[in-house]
Amino acid sequence: MSFAQQVTGSSHDVHNYGDVSRETIERLQIYVDLVLKWQPAQNLIAPSTIPDIWERHVIDSLGTKWAVPDAKTWVDIGSGAGFPGIVTAILQADDPDSHVHFIESNQRKVAFLRTALRETGAKGTVHPGRIESVAKSWEHGPVEAVSARALANLDLLLNLSEPFWRTGATCVFHKGQDFQREVNEASQRWTFDLVERNSLIDSTSRLLLLSNISSRQI
């Protein structure tokens, strides 16, 4: 059985979660097809999630852009296969003023991200390198929002994204059922305004929106 044949969901499922245009659905389908095509060689997503790629990855990623709809310039850190960054770029592909920056150190995944942007017609730039290095020397203009999914604990995410939130970017981080522990631990080092959004696919998970972030004086 091929990877494509293992997929039980479909692009039609997206309509159950929001008003998504036909053109956006077509771009998302191109993206999913690319993930499945590259998966055997690159291991872009956990093999156990392949059958549920639409729900576990695509639909879950839709919430990122929808949580901060007015943000047009994003940085997606530790982008990997492009969830949620590529999905965000696809959702705002028709906005001429939008752009998503991707920071990824794995060269093979860098190649995949560039291919995904090209094939879907989404607007974005992939910056190869470690997050710390790329963020510290950032010279690509202001950023309105920072996203990350399945990358690190909240404390580390705030540290990695500091060059962006220092200039006003909102942080949008996907977190699993242990999110409250991470919030409590991060609160020992940082102060922030926090808004919790329910995950689109899992009642125990959250999308955390953090703003007005600063480090505690210890």
N, C-alpha and C. Protein backbone atom coordinates (compact mmCIF):
# COMPACT_ATOMS: atom_id res chain seq x y z
N MET A 1 0.85 -1.20 0.00
CA MET A 1 0.00 0.00 0.00
C MET A 1 0.88 1.25 0.00
N SER A 2 0.59 2.20 -0.86
CA SER A 2 1.37 3.43 -0.94
C SER A 2 1.01 4.35 0.22
N PHE A 3 1.84 5.38 0.44
CA PHE A 3 1.56 6.35 1.48
C PHE A 3 0.24 7.06 1.20
N ALA A 4 0.01 7.40 -0.05
CA ALA A 4 -1.23 8.10 -0.41
C ALA A 4 -2.45 7.24 -0.10
N GLN A 5 -2.34 5.92 -0.32
CA GLN A 5 -3.47 5.03 -0.07
C GLN A 5 -3.74 4.84 1.42
N GLN A 6 -2.76 5.16 2.26
CA GLN A 6 -2.95 5.02 3.71
C GLN A 6 -3.78 6.17 4.29
N VAL A 7 -3.90 7.27 3.55
CA VAL A 7 -4.58 8.44 4.07
C VAL A 7 -6.08 8.20 4.11
N THR A 8 -6.65 8.34 5.30
CA THR A 8 -8.08 8.08 5.45
C THR A 8 -8.92 9.36 5.34
N GLY A 9 -8.33 10.52 5.68
CA GLY A 9 -9.06 11.78 5.56
C GLY A 9 -8.90 12.37 4.17
N SER A 10 -9.45 13.56 3.98
CA SER A 10 -9.34 14.22 2.69
C SER A 10 -9.47 15.72 2.88
N SER A 11 -9.24 16.45 1.78
CA SER A 11 -9.32 17.90 1.82
C SER A 11 -10.73 18.37 2.15
N HIS A 12 -11.73 17.53 1.88
CA HIS A 12 -13.12 17.92 2.17
C HIS A 12 -13.33 18.15 3.66
N ASP A 13 -12.52 17.49 4.50
CA ASP A 13 -12.68 17.64 5.94
C ASP A 13 -12.42 19.07 6.40
N VAL A 14 -11.62 19.83 5.63
CA VAL A 14 -11.27 21.19 6.02
C VAL A 14 -12.51 22.06 6.15
N HIS A 15 -13.49 21.83 5.30
CA HIS A 15 -14.70 22.65 5.31
C HIS A 15 -15.47 22.54 6.62
N ASN A 16 -15.21 21.50 7.39
CA ASN A 16 -15.89 21.35 8.67
C ASN A 16 -15.38 22.30 9.74
N TYR A 17 -14.25 22.97 9.45
CA TYR A 17 -13.60 23.79 10.46
C TYR A 17 -13.61 25.28 10.15
N GLY A 18 -14.00 25.67 8.94
CA GLY A 18 -14.02 27.08 8.61
C GLY A 18 -14.27 27.30 7.14
N ASP A 19 -14.41 28.56 6.77
CA ASP A 19 -14.66 28.94 5.39
C ASP A 19 -13.33 29.02 4.64
N VAL A 20 -13.05 28.02 3.85
CA VAL A 20 -11.78 27.95 3.12
C VAL A 20 -12.09 27.89 1.63
N SER A 21 -11.42 28.74 0.85
CA SER A 21 -11.71 28.83 -0.58
C SER A 21 -11.27 27.59 -1.34
N ARG A 22 -11.84 27.42 -2.52
CA ARG A 22 -11.48 26.28 -3.37
C ARG A 22 -10.00 26.35 -3.73
N GLU A 23 -9.50 27.56 -4.02
CA GLU A 23 -8.10 27.71 -4.39
C GLU A 23 -7.18 27.31 -3.23
N THR A 24 -7.58 27.66 -2.01
CA THR A 24 -6.78 27.29 -0.85
C THR A 24 -6.77 25.78 -0.66
N ILE A 25 -7.93 25.16 -0.83
CA ILE A 25 -8.01 23.70 -0.72
C ILE A 25 -7.10 23.04 -1.75
N GLU A 26 -7.08 23.57 -2.95
CA GLU A 26 -6.23 23.00 -4.01
C GLU A 26 -4.76 23.11 -3.63
N ARG A 27 -4.38 24.25 -3.06
CA ARG A 27 -2.98 24.43 -2.64
C ARG A 27 -2.63 23.47 -1.50
N LEU A 28 -3.56 23.32 -0.57
CA LEU A 28 -3.32 22.39 0.54
C LEU A 28 -3.17 20.97 0.03
N GLN A 29 -3.95 20.60 -0.98
CA GLN A 29 -3.84 19.26 -1.54
C GLN A 29 -2.48 19.05 -2.21
N ILE A 30 -2.00 20.06 -2.91
CA ILE A 30 -0.67 19.98 -3.52
C ILE A 30 0.38 19.76 -2.43
N TYR A 31 0.23 20.49 -1.35
CA TYR A 31 1.18 20.38 -0.23
C TYR A 31 1.15 19.00 0.39
N VAL A 32 -0.02 18.48 0.66
CA VAL A 32 -0.14 17.13 1.25
C VAL A 32 0.47 16.10 0.31
N ASP A 33 0.20 16.21 -0.97
CA ASP A 33 0.78 15.28 -1.95
C ASP A 33 2.30 15.32 -1.91
N LEU A 34 2.86 16.51 -1.75
CA LEU A 34 4.32 16.65 -1.68
C LEU A 34 4.87 16.00 -0.41
N VAL A 35 4.19 16.21 0.71
CA VAL A 35 4.63 15.57 1.95
C VAL A 35 4.67 14.06 1.79
N LEU A 36 3.60 13.50 1.22
CA LEU A 36 3.54 12.05 1.03
C LEU A 36 4.59 11.56 0.04
N LYS A 37 4.88 12.36 -0.97
CA LYS A 37 5.89 11.99 -1.97
C LYS A 37 7.29 11.98 -1.37
N TRP A 38 7.58 12.95 -0.53
CA TRP A 38 8.92 13.07 0.06
C TRP A 38 9.09 12.23 1.33
N GLN A 39 7.99 11.79 1.91
CA GLN A 39 8.04 11.09 3.19
C GLN A 39 8.97 9.88 3.23
N PRO A 40 8.94 8.98 2.24
CA PRO A 40 9.79 7.78 2.33
C PRO A 40 11.28 8.11 2.47
N ALA A 41 11.72 9.19 1.82
CA ALA A 41 13.14 9.53 1.87
C ALA A 41 13.49 10.48 3.00
N GLN A 42 12.54 11.35 3.39
CA GLN A 42 12.85 12.41 4.34
C GLN A 42 12.25 12.22 5.73
N ASN A 43 11.29 11.32 5.88
CA ASN A 43 10.63 11.12 7.17
C ASN A 43 10.16 12.46 7.74
N LEU A 44 9.34 13.17 6.98
CA LEU A 44 8.92 14.51 7.33
C LEU A 44 7.97 14.54 8.52
N ILE A 45 7.11 13.53 8.63
CA ILE A 45 6.16 13.45 9.74
C ILE A 45 6.24 12.06 10.36
N ALA A 46 5.74 11.92 11.57
CA ALA A 46 5.75 10.61 12.22
C ALA A 46 4.94 9.62 11.38
N PRO A 47 5.49 8.48 11.03
CA PRO A 47 4.78 7.51 10.18
C PRO A 47 3.39 7.16 10.70
N SER A 48 3.22 7.13 12.01
CA SER A 48 1.92 6.76 12.58
C SER A 48 0.84 7.79 12.28
N THR A 49 1.24 9.01 11.89
CA THR A 49 0.25 10.06 11.62
C THR A 49 -0.11 10.18 10.14
N ILE A 50 0.51 9.38 9.30
CA ILE A 50 0.24 9.46 7.85
C ILE A 50 -1.23 9.24 7.52
N PRO A 51 -1.90 8.23 8.10
CA PRO A 51 -3.31 8.03 7.75
C PRO A 51 -4.20 9.22 8.10
N ASP A 52 -3.79 10.00 9.10
CA ASP A 52 -4.60 11.13 9.56
C ASP A 52 -3.93 12.46 9.24
N ILE A 53 -3.18 12.53 8.15
CA ILE A 53 -2.40 13.73 7.86
C ILE A 53 -3.26 14.97 7.76
N TRP A 54 -4.46 14.85 7.20
CA TRP A 54 -5.31 16.04 7.06
C TRP A 54 -5.72 16.58 8.42
N GLU A 55 -6.16 15.72 9.32
CA GLU A 55 -6.60 16.20 10.62
C GLU A 55 -5.43 16.51 11.53
N ARG A 56 -4.48 15.57 11.67
CA ARG A 56 -3.40 15.70 12.63
C ARG A 56 -2.45 16.85 12.29
N HIS A 57 -2.27 17.13 11.00
CA HIS A 57 -1.28 18.13 10.61
C HIS A 57 -1.89 19.35 9.91
N VAL A 58 -2.66 19.13 8.87
CA VAL A 58 -3.18 20.27 8.11
C VAL A 58 -4.21 21.06 8.91
N ILE A 59 -5.27 20.39 9.35
CA ILE A 59 -6.33 21.09 10.08
C ILE A 59 -5.81 21.67 11.38
N ASP A 60 -4.97 20.93 12.08
CA ASP A 60 -4.38 21.44 13.31
C ASP A 60 -3.60 22.73 13.06
N SER A 61 -2.97 22.83 11.89
CA SER A 61 -2.16 24.00 11.56
C SER A 61 -2.98 25.21 11.13
N LEU A 62 -4.21 24.98 10.69
CA LEU A 62 -5.06 26.10 10.26
C LEU A 62 -5.27 27.10 11.39
N GLY A 63 -5.33 26.60 12.61
CA GLY A 63 -5.60 27.46 13.75
C GLY A 63 -4.57 28.54 13.98
N THR A 64 -3.35 28.33 13.50
CA THR A 64 -2.28 29.29 13.72
C THR A 64 -2.62 30.63 13.09
N LYS A 65 -2.86 30.65 11.80
CA LYS A 65 -3.22 31.88 11.11
C LYS A 65 -4.55 32.42 11.60
N TRP A 66 -5.51 31.55 11.83
CA TRP A 66 -6.83 31.99 12.27
C TRP A 66 -6.79 32.63 13.65
N ALA A 67 -5.79 32.28 14.46
CA ALA A 67 -5.67 32.85 15.81
C ALA A 67 -5.22 34.31 15.77
N VAL A 68 -4.43 34.67 14.76
CA VAL A 68 -3.94 36.05 14.61
C VAL A 68 -4.19 36.46 13.15
N PRO A 69 -5.44 36.64 12.77
CA PRO A 69 -5.78 36.84 11.35
C PRO A 69 -5.18 38.09 10.72
N ASP A 70 -4.90 39.10 11.54
CA ASP A 70 -4.38 40.35 10.97
C ASP A 70 -2.87 40.32 10.75
N ALA A 71 -2.20 39.33 11.30
CA ALA A 71 -0.75 39.22 11.12
C ALA A 71 -0.45 38.75 9.70
N LYS A 72 0.41 39.47 9.02
CA LYS A 72 0.76 39.13 7.64
C LYS A 72 2.19 38.63 7.50
N THR A 73 3.08 39.13 8.34
CA THR A 73 4.49 38.72 8.28
C THR A 73 4.79 37.81 9.46
N TRP A 74 5.11 36.57 9.13
CA TRP A 74 5.34 35.54 10.14
C TRP A 74 6.77 35.01 10.08
N VAL A 75 7.22 34.50 11.22
CA VAL A 75 8.43 33.66 11.27
C VAL A 75 8.01 32.33 11.86
N ASP A 76 8.29 31.26 11.16
CA ASP A 76 8.01 29.91 11.64
C ASP A 76 9.35 29.29 12.00
N ILE A 77 9.55 29.02 13.29
CA ILE A 77 10.86 28.54 13.74
C ILE A 77 10.87 27.02 13.86
N GLY A 78 12.00 26.43 13.48
CA GLY A 78 12.11 24.97 13.49
C GLY A 78 11.06 24.36 12.60
N SER A 79 11.00 24.82 11.36
CA SER A 79 9.86 24.56 10.47
C SER A 79 9.64 23.10 10.10
N GLY A 80 10.70 22.32 10.01
CA GLY A 80 10.54 20.91 9.67
C GLY A 80 9.82 20.70 8.35
N ALA A 81 8.69 19.99 8.40
CA ALA A 81 7.91 19.71 7.19
C ALA A 81 7.02 20.87 6.79
N GLY A 82 6.97 21.92 7.62
CA GLY A 82 6.18 23.09 7.25
C GLY A 82 4.85 23.22 7.94
N PHE A 83 4.62 22.43 8.98
CA PHE A 83 3.42 22.58 9.80
C PHE A 83 3.79 23.37 11.06
N PRO A 84 3.24 24.57 11.26
CA PRO A 84 2.14 25.18 10.51
C PRO A 84 2.54 26.19 9.44
N GLY A 85 3.84 26.46 9.27
CA GLY A 85 4.27 27.57 8.43
C GLY A 85 3.76 27.54 6.99
N ILE A 86 3.86 26.40 6.33
CA ILE A 86 3.39 26.31 4.95
C ILE A 86 1.88 26.50 4.89
N VAL A 87 1.16 25.95 5.85
CA VAL A 87 -0.30 26.12 5.88
C VAL A 87 -0.64 27.60 6.05
N THR A 88 0.08 28.30 6.92
CA THR A 88 -0.13 29.75 7.08
C THR A 88 0.13 30.47 5.77
N ALA A 89 1.22 30.13 5.11
CA ALA A 89 1.56 30.78 3.84
C ALA A 89 0.49 30.52 2.77
N ILE A 90 -0.06 29.33 2.77
CA ILE A 90 -1.11 29.00 1.81
C ILE A 90 -2.39 29.79 2.11
N LEU A 91 -2.74 29.91 3.38
CA LEU A 91 -3.95 30.65 3.75
C LEU A 91 -3.88 32.11 3.34
N GLN A 92 -2.69 32.68 3.32
CA GLN A 92 -2.58 34.09 2.95
C GLN A 92 -1.87 34.28 1.61
N ALA A 93 -1.93 33.25 0.77
CA ALA A 93 -1.22 33.28 -0.51
C ALA A 93 -1.71 34.38 -1.44
N ASP A 94 -2.97 34.76 -1.32
CA ASP A 94 -3.53 35.77 -2.23
C ASP A 94 -3.35 37.20 -1.71
N ASP A 95 -2.73 37.35 -0.56
CA ASP A 95 -2.48 38.67 0.00
C ASP A 95 -1.09 39.13 -0.43
N PRO A 96 -1.00 40.16 -1.28
CA PRO A 96 0.31 40.58 -1.80
C PRO A 96 1.26 41.12 -0.74
N ASP A 97 0.72 41.49 0.42
CA ASP A 97 1.55 42.07 1.47
C ASP A 97 1.99 41.04 2.52
N SER A 98 1.64 39.79 2.32
CA SER A 98 1.95 38.75 3.31
C SER A 98 3.24 38.02 2.98
N HIS A 99 3.85 37.45 4.02
CA HIS A 99 5.08 36.68 3.81
C HIS A 99 5.34 35.83 5.05
N VAL A 100 5.81 34.62 4.84
CA VAL A 100 6.20 33.75 5.94
C VAL A 100 7.68 33.41 5.80
N HIS A 101 8.43 33.64 6.87
CA HIS A 101 9.84 33.27 6.91
C HIS A 101 9.96 31.95 7.67
N PHE A 102 10.76 31.05 7.12
CA PHE A 102 10.97 29.74 7.73
C PHE A 102 12.42 29.61 8.17
N ILE A 103 12.62 29.16 9.40
CA ILE A 103 13.98 28.92 9.89
C ILE A 103 14.12 27.43 10.15
N GLU A 104 15.04 26.80 9.42
CA GLU A 104 15.22 25.35 9.50
C GLU A 104 16.70 25.01 9.27
N SER A 105 17.25 24.15 10.12
CA SER A 105 18.68 23.82 10.02
C SER A 105 18.95 22.59 9.16
N ASN A 106 17.96 21.72 9.00
CA ASN A 106 18.15 20.49 8.23
C ASN A 106 18.08 20.82 6.73
N GLN A 107 19.16 20.56 6.02
CA GLN A 107 19.24 20.98 4.61
C GLN A 107 18.21 20.26 3.73
N ARG A 108 17.92 19.01 4.04
CA ARG A 108 16.92 18.29 3.24
C ARG A 108 15.53 18.88 3.44
N LYS A 109 15.23 19.26 4.67
CA LYS A 109 13.94 19.88 4.93
C LYS A 109 13.89 21.30 4.35
N VAL A 110 15.02 21.97 4.33
CA VAL A 110 15.09 23.27 3.64
C VAL A 110 14.69 23.11 2.18
N ALA A 111 15.23 22.09 1.53
CA ALA A 111 14.89 21.82 0.13
C ALA A 111 13.41 21.52 -0.03
N PHE A 112 12.85 20.76 0.91
CA PHE A 112 11.43 20.44 0.84
C PHE A 112 10.58 21.70 1.00
N LEU A 113 10.90 22.53 1.97
CA LEU A 113 10.13 23.74 2.21
C LEU A 113 10.14 24.65 0.98
N ARG A 114 11.29 24.78 0.36
CA ARG A 114 11.37 25.62 -0.84
C ARG A 114 10.54 25.04 -1.98
N THR A 115 10.55 23.72 -2.08
CA THR A 115 9.73 23.05 -3.10
C THR A 115 8.25 23.28 -2.83
N ALA A 116 7.85 23.15 -1.57
CA ALA A 116 6.45 23.33 -1.20
C ALA A 116 5.97 24.75 -1.50
N LEU A 117 6.79 25.73 -1.20
CA LEU A 117 6.43 27.11 -1.51
C LEU A 117 6.28 27.32 -3.01
N ARG A 118 7.23 26.80 -3.74
CA ARG A 118 7.19 26.96 -5.21
C ARG A 118 5.98 26.28 -5.82
N GLU A 119 5.71 25.05 -5.41
CA GLU A 119 4.63 24.27 -6.02
C GLU A 119 3.24 24.77 -5.62
N THR A 120 3.11 25.33 -4.44
CA THR A 120 1.80 25.82 -4.00
C THR A 120 1.55 27.27 -4.36
N GLY A 121 2.60 27.98 -4.74
CA GLY A 121 2.45 29.39 -5.07
C GLY A 121 2.32 30.27 -3.83
N ALA A 122 2.66 29.74 -2.67
CA ALA A 122 2.61 30.52 -1.43
C ALA A 122 3.87 31.38 -1.33
N LYS A 123 3.76 32.48 -0.59
CA LYS A 123 4.88 33.42 -0.50
C LYS A 123 5.65 33.20 0.80
N GLY A 124 6.94 32.96 0.65
CA GLY A 124 7.76 32.75 1.83
C GLY A 124 9.23 32.66 1.47
N THR A 125 10.07 32.73 2.49
CA THR A 125 11.51 32.62 2.34
C THR A 125 12.03 31.64 3.37
N VAL A 126 12.89 30.73 2.94
CA VAL A 126 13.46 29.73 3.85
C VAL A 126 14.88 30.16 4.20
N HIS A 127 15.14 30.26 5.50
CA HIS A 127 16.45 30.68 5.99
C HIS A 127 17.14 29.46 6.61
N PRO A 128 18.15 28.90 5.95
CA PRO A 128 18.85 27.73 6.50
C PRO A 128 19.72 28.13 7.69
N GLY A 129 19.67 27.34 8.74
CA GLY A 129 20.53 27.60 9.87
C GLY A 129 19.83 27.35 11.19
N ARG A 130 20.59 27.44 12.26
CA ARG A 130 20.04 27.26 13.59
C ARG A 130 19.22 28.49 13.97
N ILE A 131 18.16 28.26 14.72
CA ILE A 131 17.26 29.35 15.07
C ILE A 131 18.01 30.48 15.77
N GLU A 132 18.86 30.12 16.74
CA GLU A 132 19.58 31.13 17.50
C GLU A 132 20.39 32.05 16.59
N SER A 133 21.09 31.46 15.62
CA SER A 133 21.96 32.23 14.74
C SER A 133 21.17 33.12 13.79
N VAL A 134 20.14 32.54 13.16
CA VAL A 134 19.35 33.31 12.20
C VAL A 134 18.61 34.44 12.89
N ALA A 135 18.00 34.15 14.04
CA ALA A 135 17.22 35.17 14.75
C ALA A 135 18.10 36.31 15.25
N LYS A 136 19.29 35.97 15.76
CA LYS A 136 20.18 36.97 16.33
C LYS A 136 20.64 37.97 15.28
N SER A 137 20.81 37.52 14.05
CA SER A 137 21.31 38.39 12.98
C SER A 137 20.20 38.78 12.00
N TRP A 138 18.97 38.83 12.47
CA TRP A 138 17.81 39.08 11.61
C TRP A 138 17.90 40.44 10.94
N GLU A 139 17.81 40.44 9.61
CA GLU A 139 17.85 41.68 8.84
C GLU A 139 16.79 41.68 7.74
N HIS A 140 15.66 41.07 8.04
CA HIS A 140 14.64 40.88 7.01
C HIS A 140 13.34 41.62 7.32
N GLY A 141 13.44 42.65 8.11
CA GLY A 141 12.27 43.47 8.37
C GLY A 141 11.48 43.03 9.58
N PRO A 142 10.45 43.82 9.93
CA PRO A 142 9.64 43.53 11.11
C PRO A 142 8.80 42.27 10.95
N VAL A 143 8.53 41.64 12.07
CA VAL A 143 7.74 40.41 12.11
C VAL A 143 6.55 40.64 13.03
N GLU A 144 5.37 40.20 12.60
CA GLU A 144 4.17 40.40 13.40
C GLU A 144 3.82 39.19 14.28
N ALA A 145 4.22 38.00 13.85
CA ALA A 145 3.88 36.80 14.61
C ALA A 145 4.94 35.73 14.42
N VAL A 146 5.13 34.92 15.47
CA VAL A 146 6.07 33.80 15.45
C VAL A 146 5.30 32.53 15.74
N SER A 147 5.53 31.49 14.94
CA SER A 147 4.84 30.21 15.16
C SER A 147 5.84 29.09 15.37
N ALA A 148 5.38 28.05 16.08
CA ALA A 148 6.16 26.83 16.27
C ALA A 148 5.20 25.73 16.68
N ARG A 149 5.52 24.52 16.25
CA ARG A 149 4.68 23.37 16.55
C ARG A 149 5.57 22.15 16.76
N ALA A 150 5.39 21.47 17.88
CA ALA A 150 6.15 20.26 18.21
C ALA A 150 7.65 20.50 18.12
N LEU A 151 8.08 21.60 18.71
CA LEU A 151 9.50 21.96 18.62
C LEU A 151 10.22 21.88 19.96
N ALA A 152 9.70 22.55 20.99
CA ALA A 152 10.39 22.60 22.27
C ALA A 152 9.40 23.03 23.36
N ASN A 153 9.86 22.98 24.62
CA ASN A 153 8.98 23.44 25.69
C ASN A 153 8.84 24.95 25.63
N LEU A 154 7.82 25.47 26.31
CA LEU A 154 7.48 26.89 26.20
C LEU A 154 8.61 27.80 26.64
N ASP A 155 9.30 27.44 27.70
CA ASP A 155 10.41 28.26 28.18
C ASP A 155 11.48 28.42 27.10
N LEU A 156 11.84 27.34 26.45
CA LEU A 156 12.85 27.40 25.40
C LEU A 156 12.32 28.15 24.18
N LEU A 157 11.06 27.96 23.85
CA LEU A 157 10.48 28.67 22.71
C LEU A 157 10.55 30.18 22.91
N LEU A 158 10.26 30.63 24.11
CA LEU A 158 10.32 32.06 24.38
C LEU A 158 11.76 32.57 24.27
N ASN A 159 12.70 31.76 24.68
CA ASN A 159 14.11 32.15 24.55
C ASN A 159 14.52 32.22 23.08
N LEU A 160 14.13 31.22 22.30
CA LEU A 160 14.51 31.18 20.89
C LEU A 160 13.87 32.32 20.08
N SER A 161 12.66 32.67 20.45
CA SER A 161 11.92 33.67 19.68
C SER A 161 12.11 35.09 20.20
N GLU A 162 12.96 35.28 21.20
CA GLU A 162 13.11 36.59 21.84
C GLU A 162 13.42 37.74 20.87
N PRO A 163 14.31 37.56 19.88
CA PRO A 163 14.58 38.67 18.97
C PRO A 163 13.33 39.18 18.24
N PHE A 164 12.32 38.33 18.11
CA PHE A 164 11.11 38.73 17.40
C PHE A 164 10.07 39.34 18.33
N TRP A 165 9.83 38.73 19.50
CA TRP A 165 8.84 39.33 20.40
C TRP A 165 9.36 40.59 21.05
N ARG A 166 10.66 40.77 21.10
CA ARG A 166 11.22 42.01 21.63
C ARG A 166 10.78 43.20 20.79
N THR A 167 10.50 42.97 19.51
CA THR A 167 10.07 44.05 18.62
C THR A 167 8.57 44.01 18.36
N GLY A 168 7.83 43.27 19.21
CA GLY A 168 6.38 43.34 19.16
C GLY A 168 5.64 42.17 18.56
N ALA A 169 6.34 41.13 18.13
CA ALA A 169 5.66 39.99 17.52
C ALA A 169 4.87 39.20 18.56
N THR A 170 3.72 38.69 18.14
CA THR A 170 2.93 37.78 18.97
C THR A 170 3.42 36.35 18.76
N CYS A 171 3.55 35.60 19.82
CA CYS A 171 3.97 34.20 19.71
C CYS A 171 2.73 33.31 19.66
N VAL A 172 2.72 32.37 18.72
CA VAL A 172 1.59 31.45 18.55
C VAL A 172 2.17 30.04 18.56
N PHE A 173 2.00 29.35 19.69
CA PHE A 173 2.64 28.06 19.86
C PHE A 173 1.60 26.97 20.12
N HIS A 174 1.71 25.87 19.38
CA HIS A 174 0.86 24.70 19.60
C HIS A 174 1.41 23.91 20.79
N LYS A 175 0.51 23.53 21.69
CA LYS A 175 0.92 22.76 22.85
C LYS A 175 -0.07 21.63 23.13
N GLY A 176 0.45 20.51 23.63
CA GLY A 176 -0.36 19.34 23.92
C GLY A 176 -1.00 19.41 25.29
N GLN A 177 -1.43 18.26 25.78
CA GLN A 177 -2.21 18.21 27.01
C GLN A 177 -1.43 18.63 28.25
N ASP A 178 -0.12 18.70 28.14
CA ASP A 178 0.72 19.10 29.27
C ASP A 178 1.00 20.61 29.25
N PHE A 179 0.19 21.35 28.52
CA PHE A 179 0.45 22.77 28.30
C PHE A 179 0.50 23.58 29.60
N GLN A 180 -0.36 23.24 30.57
CA GLN A 180 -0.41 24.03 31.80
C GLN A 180 0.89 23.94 32.59
N ARG A 181 1.47 22.76 32.61
CA ARG A 181 2.77 22.62 33.30
C ARG A 181 3.82 23.50 32.63
N GLU A 182 3.83 23.52 31.29
CA GLU A 182 4.79 24.34 30.57
C GLU A 182 4.57 25.82 30.84
N VAL A 183 3.32 26.23 30.91
CA VAL A 183 3.01 27.63 31.21
C VAL A 183 3.52 27.99 32.60
N ASN A 184 3.27 27.12 33.55
CA ASN A 184 3.71 27.37 34.93
C ASN A 184 5.23 27.47 35.02
N GLU A 185 5.93 26.58 34.33
CA GLU A 185 7.39 26.60 34.36
C GLU A 185 7.94 27.85 33.68
N ALA A 186 7.36 28.20 32.54
CA ALA A 186 7.82 29.39 31.82
C ALA A 186 7.56 30.66 32.61
N SER A 187 6.50 30.66 33.41
CA SER A 187 6.15 31.84 34.20
C SER A 187 7.18 32.15 35.27
N GLN A 188 8.01 31.19 35.61
CA GLN A 188 9.06 31.43 36.60
C GLN A 188 10.18 32.29 36.03
N ARG A 189 10.29 32.30 34.71
CA ARG A 189 11.38 33.04 34.06
C ARG A 189 10.88 34.24 33.26
N TRP A 190 9.62 34.17 32.82
CA TRP A 190 9.08 35.20 31.94
C TRP A 190 7.75 35.72 32.46
N THR A 191 7.44 36.96 32.12
CA THR A 191 6.09 37.48 32.31
C THR A 191 5.48 37.67 30.94
N PHE A 192 4.19 37.44 30.83
CA PHE A 192 3.54 37.56 29.52
C PHE A 192 2.03 37.60 29.67
N ASP A 193 1.39 38.16 28.67
CA ASP A 193 -0.06 38.07 28.54
C ASP A 193 -0.36 36.81 27.75
N LEU A 194 -1.29 36.01 28.24
CA LEU A 194 -1.56 34.72 27.62
C LEU A 194 -3.03 34.58 27.26
N VAL A 195 -3.27 34.15 26.03
CA VAL A 195 -4.61 33.78 25.58
C VAL A 195 -4.55 32.33 25.14
N GLU A 196 -5.45 31.51 25.66
CA GLU A 196 -5.51 30.10 25.28
C GLU A 196 -6.63 29.88 24.27
N ARG A 197 -6.32 29.23 23.17
CA ARG A 197 -7.32 28.85 22.19
C ARG A 197 -7.39 27.32 22.14
N ASN A 198 -8.58 26.79 22.08
CA ASN A 198 -8.72 25.35 21.97
C ASN A 198 -8.16 24.86 20.64
N SER A 199 -7.54 23.72 20.67
CA SER A 199 -7.09 23.08 19.44
C SER A 199 -8.30 22.74 18.57
N LEU A 200 -8.12 22.78 17.26
CA LEU A 200 -9.20 22.43 16.35
C LEU A 200 -9.48 20.94 16.35
N ILE A 201 -8.53 20.13 16.83
CA ILE A 201 -8.68 18.69 16.69
C ILE A 201 -8.62 17.91 18.01
N ASP A 202 -8.18 18.58 19.08
CA ASP A 202 -7.97 17.85 20.33
C ASP A 202 -8.39 18.73 21.51
N SER A 203 -9.37 18.29 22.26
CA SER A 203 -9.90 19.08 23.36
C SER A 203 -8.91 19.26 24.50
N THR A 204 -7.87 18.43 24.55
CA THR A 204 -6.89 18.53 25.63
C THR A 204 -5.69 19.39 25.25
N SER A 205 -5.61 19.81 23.99
CA SER A 205 -4.49 20.62 23.52
C SER A 205 -4.89 22.09 23.40
N ARG A 206 -3.89 22.95 23.31
CA ARG A 206 -4.15 24.38 23.23
C ARG A 206 -3.24 25.05 22.21
N LEU A 207 -3.72 26.18 21.71
CA LEU A 207 -2.90 27.09 20.94
C LEU A 207 -2.65 28.27 21.86
N LEU A 208 -1.41 28.51 22.22
CA LEU A 208 -1.07 29.56 23.17
C LEU A 208 -0.63 30.82 22.44
N LEU A 209 -1.29 31.94 22.73
CA LEU A 209 -0.94 33.22 22.16
C LEU A 209 -0.31 34.07 23.26
N LEU A 210 0.94 34.44 23.06
CA LEU A 210 1.66 35.19 24.08
C LEU A 210 2.10 36.54 23.53
N SER A 211 1.90 37.58 24.34
CA SER A 211 2.30 38.93 23.95
C SER A 211 2.79 39.68 25.19
N ASN A 212 3.32 40.89 24.98
CA ASN A 212 3.86 41.69 26.09
C ASN A 212 4.79 40.85 26.97
N ILE A 213 5.71 40.16 26.30
CA ILE A 213 6.63 39.25 26.98
C ILE A 213 7.86 40.00 27.50
N SER A 214 8.30 39.63 28.66
CA SER A 214 9.57 40.16 29.18
C SER A 214 10.17 39.14 30.12
N SER A 215 11.46 39.23 30.33
CA SER A 215 12.14 38.31 31.25
C SER A 215 12.06 38.86 32.67
N ARG A 216 11.89 37.95 33.62
CA ARG A 216 11.83 38.36 35.01
C ARG A 216 13.22 38.75 35.50
N GLN A 217 13.27 39.76 36.35
CA GLN A 217 14.53 40.16 36.95
C GLN A 217 14.76 39.29 38.19
N ILE A 218 15.73 38.39 38.08
CA ILE A 218 15.99 37.47 39.19
C ILE A 218 17.25 37.89 39.93
